[in-house]
Amino acid sequence: MARLFVAIVPPDDVKDAAAAFPASEPGVRLARREQLHVTLRFASEFPDERIASLKERLRRIEHPAFALTVGPWGRFGHRTAWLGVAPEAPVIALADAVDAAFRAEGTPRRELPFRPHLTVARLTKLSPVKARQLLESAPPLPELRWDVGAFVLVQSTLSPDGATHTPLLEVPLR
């Protein structure tokens, strides 16, 4: 079984902005720069023998290229800090198309509502109050816009040193 996800990879200036999240607090673990992405779909256990078929379904997705801007900072509870992207509509539409490809391969529909974002940090030992204060202290974001021209299928392999991400397929947007 493979651990897979499909994502949009941001350019370096967006990764730079994400790296500006305050990390001096104990219990704040920044996401590794090379792993910053907007997840469109995740599958923790995908059958190896179905990867080729999934790739073919992903290649057939026809979605126009679009532009995104970053911001604002946000969080899920008091454990995950993220950087928002806008507009959300084209990302959600692309995520729905990717989700349909996974469902066609027998993977259940994603369970949680989809919220486009880049995870920038795990807040492992912060109280809800401290997490809110940390987000309020995050630096203002510069005006950043980028053109999204592709999405990527990635295999994630877990180890004691963290996850290793291996791109398996890049699909251009039309």
C-alpha atoms as a PDB file:
ATOM      1  CA  MET A   1       0.000   0.000   0.000  1.00  0.00           C
ATOM      2  CA  ALA A   2       1.215   3.465  -0.867  1.00  0.00           C
ATOM      3  CA  ARG A   3       0.752   6.730   0.985  1.00  0.00           C
ATOM      4  CA  LEU A   4      -0.162   9.269  -1.718  1.00  0.00           C
ATOM      5  CA  PHE A   5      -1.271  12.845  -2.080  1.00  0.00           C
ATOM      6  CA  VAL A   6      -2.021  15.237  -4.907  1.00  0.00           C
ATOM      7  CA  ALA A   7      -0.893  18.827  -4.469  1.00  0.00           C
ATOM      8  CA  ILE A   8      -0.185  22.230  -5.913  1.00  0.00           C
ATOM      9  CA  VAL A   9       3.434  23.251  -5.269  1.00  0.00           C
ATOM     10  CA  PRO A  10       3.964  26.979  -4.660  1.00  0.00           C
ATOM     11  CA  PRO A  11       6.896  28.987  -6.011  1.00  0.00           C
ATOM     12  CA  ASP A  12       9.877  30.025  -3.883  1.00  0.00           C
ATOM     13  CA  ASP A  13       8.544  33.461  -2.891  1.00  0.00           C
ATOM     14  CA  VAL A  14       5.451  31.828  -1.366  1.00  0.00           C
ATOM     15  CA  LYS A  15       7.673  29.329   0.455  1.00  0.00           C
ATOM     16  CA  ASP A  16       9.711  32.283   1.752  1.00  0.00           C
ATOM     17  CA  ALA A  17       6.550  33.911   3.114  1.00  0.00           C
ATOM     18  CA  ALA A  18       5.522  30.670   4.820  1.00  0.00           C
ATOM     19  CA  ALA A  19       8.973  30.352   6.403  1.00  0.00           C
ATOM     20  CA  ALA A  20       8.420  33.725   8.092  1.00  0.00           C
ATOM     21  CA  PHE A  21       5.969  32.141  10.532  1.00  0.00           C
ATOM     22  CA  PRO A  22       7.305  32.696  14.083  1.00  0.00           C
ATOM     23  CA  ALA A  23       9.053  29.506  15.191  1.00  0.00           C
ATOM     24  CA  SER A  24      10.910  30.632  18.291  1.00  0.00           C
ATOM     25  CA  GLU A  25       8.290  29.245  20.696  1.00  0.00           C
ATOM     26  CA  PRO A  26       8.954  25.787  22.133  1.00  0.00           C
ATOM     27  CA  GLY A  27       6.535  23.356  20.564  1.00  0.00           C
ATOM     28  CA  VAL A  28       6.451  25.047  17.138  1.00  0.00           C
ATOM     29  CA  ARG A  29       7.742  22.816  14.338  1.00  0.00           C
ATOM     30  CA  LEU A  30       7.910  24.501  10.926  1.00  0.00           C
ATOM     31  CA  ALA A  31       7.079  22.465   7.853  1.00  0.00           C
ATOM     32  CA  ARG A  32      10.151  21.740   5.759  1.00  0.00           C
ATOM     33  CA  ARG A  33      10.434  24.195   2.894  1.00  0.00           C
ATOM     34  CA  GLU A  34      10.738  21.491   0.233  1.00  0.00           C
ATOM     35  CA  GLN A  35       7.494  19.936   1.458  1.00  0.00           C
ATOM     36  CA  LEU A  36       5.259  23.021   1.393  1.00  0.00           C
ATOM     37  CA  HIS A  37       2.229  22.445  -0.820  1.00  0.00           C
ATOM     38  CA  VAL A  38      -1.533  22.838  -1.083  1.00  0.00           C
ATOM     39  CA  THR A  39      -2.949  19.342  -0.634  1.00  0.00           C
ATOM     40  CA  LEU A  40      -5.802  18.547  -3.006  1.00  0.00           C
ATOM     41  CA  ARG A  41      -6.294  14.923  -1.887  1.00  0.00           C
ATOM     42  CA  PHE A  42      -4.575  12.527   0.516  1.00  0.00           C
ATOM     43  CA  ALA A  43      -4.792   8.726   0.693  1.00  0.00           C
ATOM     44  CA  SER A  44      -2.964   7.030   3.548  1.00  0.00           C
ATOM     45  CA  GLU A  45      -3.343   3.533   2.060  1.00  0.00           C
ATOM     46  CA  PHE A  46      -3.628   3.348  -1.706  1.00  0.00           C
ATOM     47  CA  PRO A  47      -3.172  -0.051  -3.448  1.00  0.00           C
ATOM     48  CA  ASP A  48       0.156  -0.158  -5.308  1.00  0.00           C
ATOM     49  CA  GLU A  49      -1.416  -2.059  -8.193  1.00  0.00           C
ATOM     50  CA  ARG A  50      -3.884   0.822  -8.812  1.00  0.00           C
ATOM     51  CA  ILE A  51      -1.313   3.646  -9.036  1.00  0.00           C
ATOM     52  CA  ALA A  52      -0.905   3.326 -12.825  1.00  0.00           C
ATOM     53  CA  SER A  53      -4.670   3.536 -13.294  1.00  0.00           C
ATOM     54  CA  LEU A  54      -4.890   6.535 -10.940  1.00  0.00           C
ATOM     55  CA  LYS A  55      -2.154   8.287 -12.931  1.00  0.00           C
ATOM     56  CA  GLU A  56      -4.166   7.770 -16.110  1.00  0.00           C
ATOM     57  CA  ARG A  57      -7.302   9.230 -14.493  1.00  0.00           C
ATOM     58  CA  LEU A  58      -5.347  12.232 -13.211  1.00  0.00           C
ATOM     59  CA  ARG A  59      -3.856  12.863 -16.669  1.00  0.00           C
ATOM     60  CA  ARG A  60      -7.408  13.107 -18.066  1.00  0.00           C
ATOM     61  CA  ILE A  61      -8.419  15.925 -15.707  1.00  0.00           C
ATOM     62  CA  GLU A  62      -9.086  19.030 -17.756  1.00  0.00           C
ATOM     63  CA  HIS A  63      -8.929  22.143 -15.634  1.00  0.00           C
ATOM     64  CA  PRO A  64      -7.873  25.645 -16.618  1.00  0.00           C
ATOM     65  CA  ALA A  65      -4.754  27.211 -15.157  1.00  0.00           C
ATOM     66  CA  PHE A  66      -5.482  29.875 -12.541  1.00  0.00           C
ATOM     67  CA  ALA A  67      -3.768  32.416 -10.310  1.00  0.00           C
ATOM     68  CA  LEU A  68      -3.624  32.358  -6.508  1.00  0.00           C
ATOM     69  CA  THR A  69      -2.657  34.832  -3.831  1.00  0.00           C
ATOM     70  CA  VAL A  70      -1.586  33.935  -0.298  1.00  0.00           C
ATOM     71  CA  GLY A  71      -3.010  34.900   3.044  1.00  0.00           C
ATOM     72  CA  PRO A  72      -4.151  35.288   5.639  1.00  0.00           C
ATOM     73  CA  TRP A  73      -2.519  33.196   8.357  1.00  0.00           C
ATOM     74  CA  GLY A  74      -4.900  30.726   9.986  1.00  0.00           C
ATOM     75  CA  ARG A  75      -5.056  27.642  12.158  1.00  0.00           C
ATOM     76  CA  PHE A  76      -6.949  24.429  12.653  1.00  0.00           C
ATOM     77  CA  GLY A  77      -7.595  24.232  16.378  1.00  0.00           C
ATOM     78  CA  HIS A  78      -4.426  24.888  18.319  1.00  0.00           C
ATOM     79  CA  ARG A  79      -2.242  22.256  16.613  1.00  0.00           C
ATOM     80  CA  THR A  80      -1.816  23.375  12.978  1.00  0.00           C
ATOM     81  CA  ALA A  81      -0.885  26.792  11.565  1.00  0.00           C
ATOM     82  CA  TRP A  82      -1.474  27.480   7.893  1.00  0.00           C
ATOM     83  CA  LEU A  83      -1.295  30.054   5.156  1.00  0.00           C
ATOM     84  CA  GLY A  84      -4.506  30.577   3.205  1.00  0.00           C
ATOM     85  CA  VAL A  85      -4.822  30.841  -0.572  1.00  0.00           C
ATOM     86  CA  ALA A  86      -7.390  32.757  -2.608  1.00  0.00           C
ATOM     87  CA  PRO A  87      -9.539  32.540  -4.534  1.00  0.00           C
ATOM     88  CA  GLU A  88     -10.629  29.189  -3.146  1.00  0.00           C
ATOM     89  CA  ALA A  89     -13.125  28.296  -5.913  1.00  0.00           C
ATOM     90  CA  PRO A  90     -10.640  27.061  -8.587  1.00  0.00           C
ATOM     91  CA  VAL A  91      -8.679  25.085  -5.982  1.00  0.00           C
ATOM     92  CA  ILE A  92     -11.871  23.467  -4.690  1.00  0.00           C
ATOM     93  CA  ALA A  93     -12.979  22.609  -8.239  1.00  0.00           C
ATOM     94  CA  LEU A  94      -9.602  21.012  -8.975  1.00  0.00           C
ATOM     95  CA  ALA A  95      -9.673  19.147  -5.645  1.00  0.00           C
ATOM     96  CA  ASP A  96     -13.142  17.818  -6.491  1.00  0.00           C
ATOM     97  CA  ALA A  97     -11.884  16.513  -9.853  1.00  0.00           C
ATOM     98  CA  VAL A  98      -8.903  14.855  -8.151  1.00  0.00           C
ATOM     99  CA  ASP A  99     -11.202  13.385  -5.486  1.00  0.00           C
ATOM    100  CA  ALA A 100     -13.390  11.908  -8.246  1.00  0.00           C
ATOM    101  CA  ALA A 101     -10.309  10.203  -9.753  1.00  0.00           C
ATOM    102  CA  PHE A 102      -9.476   8.646  -6.372  1.00  0.00           C
ATOM    103  CA  ARG A 103     -13.087   7.556  -5.829  1.00  0.00           C
ATOM    104  CA  ALA A 104     -13.109   5.900  -9.272  1.00  0.00           C
ATOM    105  CA  GLU A 105     -10.167   3.821  -8.020  1.00  0.00           C
ATOM    106  CA  GLY A 106     -12.142   2.657  -4.985  1.00  0.00           C
ATOM    107  CA  THR A 107     -10.929   5.219  -2.425  1.00  0.00           C
ATOM    108  CA  PRO A 108     -13.742   6.617  -0.265  1.00  0.00           C
ATOM    109  CA  ARG A 109     -14.823  10.248  -0.663  1.00  0.00           C
ATOM    110  CA  ARG A 110     -12.777  12.620   1.489  1.00  0.00           C
ATOM    111  CA  GLU A 111     -14.432  12.946   4.870  1.00  0.00           C
ATOM    112  CA  LEU A 112     -13.635  16.480   5.988  1.00  0.00           C
ATOM    113  CA  PRO A 113     -14.714  19.661   4.229  1.00  0.00           C
ATOM    114  CA  PHE A 114     -11.923  20.907   1.968  1.00  0.00           C
ATOM    115  CA  ARG A 115     -10.173  24.147   2.972  1.00  0.00           C
ATOM    116  CA  PRO A 116      -7.328  25.166   0.597  1.00  0.00           C
ATOM    117  CA  HIS A 117      -4.185  26.034   2.569  1.00  0.00           C
ATOM    118  CA  LEU A 118      -0.448  25.471   2.989  1.00  0.00           C
ATOM    119  CA  THR A 119       0.393  23.911   6.353  1.00  0.00           C
ATOM    120  CA  VAL A 120       3.294  25.965   7.716  1.00  0.00           C
ATOM    121  CA  ALA A 121       3.765  24.597  11.241  1.00  0.00           C
ATOM    122  CA  ARG A 122       2.685  22.012  13.774  1.00  0.00           C
ATOM    123  CA  LEU A 123       1.980  23.529  17.169  1.00  0.00           C
ATOM    124  CA  THR A 124       2.658  20.498  19.302  1.00  0.00           C
ATOM    125  CA  LYS A 125       2.622  21.828  22.851  1.00  0.00           C
ATOM    126  CA  LEU A 126       0.702  25.084  22.739  1.00  0.00           C
ATOM    127  CA  SER A 127      -2.507  25.913  24.510  1.00  0.00           C
ATOM    128  CA  PRO A 128      -5.357  27.336  22.410  1.00  0.00           C
ATOM    129  CA  VAL A 129      -4.624  30.803  23.887  1.00  0.00           C
ATOM    130  CA  LYS A 130      -0.894  30.574  23.081  1.00  0.00           C
ATOM    131  CA  ALA A 131      -1.648  29.337  19.542  1.00  0.00           C
ATOM    132  CA  ARG A 132      -3.946  32.322  18.950  1.00  0.00           C
ATOM    133  CA  GLN A 133      -1.310  34.728  20.303  1.00  0.00           C
ATOM    134  CA  LEU A 134       1.339  33.169  18.070  1.00  0.00           C
ATOM    135  CA  LEU A 135      -0.832  33.643  14.983  1.00  0.00           C
ATOM    136  CA  GLU A 136      -1.518  37.246  15.965  1.00  0.00           C
ATOM    137  CA  SER A 137       2.257  37.831  16.182  1.00  0.00           C
ATOM    138  CA  ALA A 138       2.930  36.394  12.706  1.00  0.00           C
ATOM    139  CA  PRO A 139       4.367  39.017  10.319  1.00  0.00           C
ATOM    140  CA  PRO A 140       2.135  40.682   7.756  1.00  0.00           C
ATOM    141  CA  LEU A 141       2.219  38.932   4.417  1.00  0.00           C
ATOM    142  CA  PRO A 142       3.527  40.600   1.271  1.00  0.00           C
ATOM    143  CA  GLU A 143       1.287  40.739  -1.798  1.00  0.00           C
ATOM    144  CA  LEU A 144       2.109  37.414  -3.413  1.00  0.00           C
ATOM    145  CA  ARG A 145       0.447  36.040  -6.524  1.00  0.00           C
ATOM    146  CA  TRP A 146       1.380  32.985  -8.505  1.00  0.00           C
ATOM    147  CA  ASP A 147       0.133  31.225 -11.610  1.00  0.00           C
ATOM    148  CA  VAL A 148      -0.844  27.619 -11.000  1.00  0.00           C
ATOM    149  CA  GLY A 149      -0.050  25.636 -14.121  1.00  0.00           C
ATOM    150  CA  ALA A 150       0.112  22.054 -12.811  1.00  0.00           C
ATOM    151  CA  PHE A 151      -0.616  19.664 -10.001  1.00  0.00           C
ATOM    152  CA  VAL A 152       1.510  16.772  -8.774  1.00  0.00           C
ATOM    153  CA  LEU A 153       0.905  13.207  -7.562  1.00  0.00           C
ATOM    154  CA  VAL A 154       3.362  12.482  -4.745  1.00  0.00           C
ATOM    155  CA  GLN A 155       4.267   9.373  -2.779  1.00  0.00           C
ATOM    156  CA  SER A 156       5.015  10.040   0.882  1.00  0.00           C
ATOM    157  CA  THR A 157       7.221   7.567   2.727  1.00  0.00           C
ATOM    158  CA  LEU A 158       7.380   7.837   6.501  1.00  0.00           C
ATOM    159  CA  SER A 159      10.564   7.273   8.500  1.00  0.00           C
ATOM    160  CA  PRO A 160      11.846   8.253  11.956  1.00  0.00           C
ATOM    161  CA  ASP A 161      13.454  11.308  10.296  1.00  0.00           C
ATOM    162  CA  GLY A 162      10.118  12.467   8.842  1.00  0.00           C
ATOM    163  CA  ALA A 163       8.371  12.010   5.525  1.00  0.00           C
ATOM    164  CA  THR A 164      10.166  11.768   2.194  1.00  0.00           C
ATOM    165  CA  HIS A 165       8.143  13.027  -0.769  1.00  0.00           C
ATOM    166  CA  THR A 166       8.702  11.512  -4.211  1.00  0.00           C
ATOM    167  CA  PRO A 167       6.863  13.073  -7.172  1.00  0.00           C
ATOM    168  CA  LEU A 168       5.264  10.383  -9.346  1.00  0.00           C
ATOM    169  CA  LEU A 169       3.427  12.510 -11.927  1.00  0.00           C
ATOM    170  CA  GLU A 170       3.003  16.156 -12.858  1.00  0.00           C
ATOM    171  CA  VAL A 171      -0.194  17.067 -14.686  1.00  0.00           C
ATOM    172  CA  PRO A 172      -0.316  20.387 -16.559  1.00  0.00           C
ATOM    173  CA  LEU A 173      -3.455  22.476 -16.353  1.00  0.00           C
ATOM    174  CA  ARG A 174      -4.999  23.519 -19.663  1.00  0.00           C
END
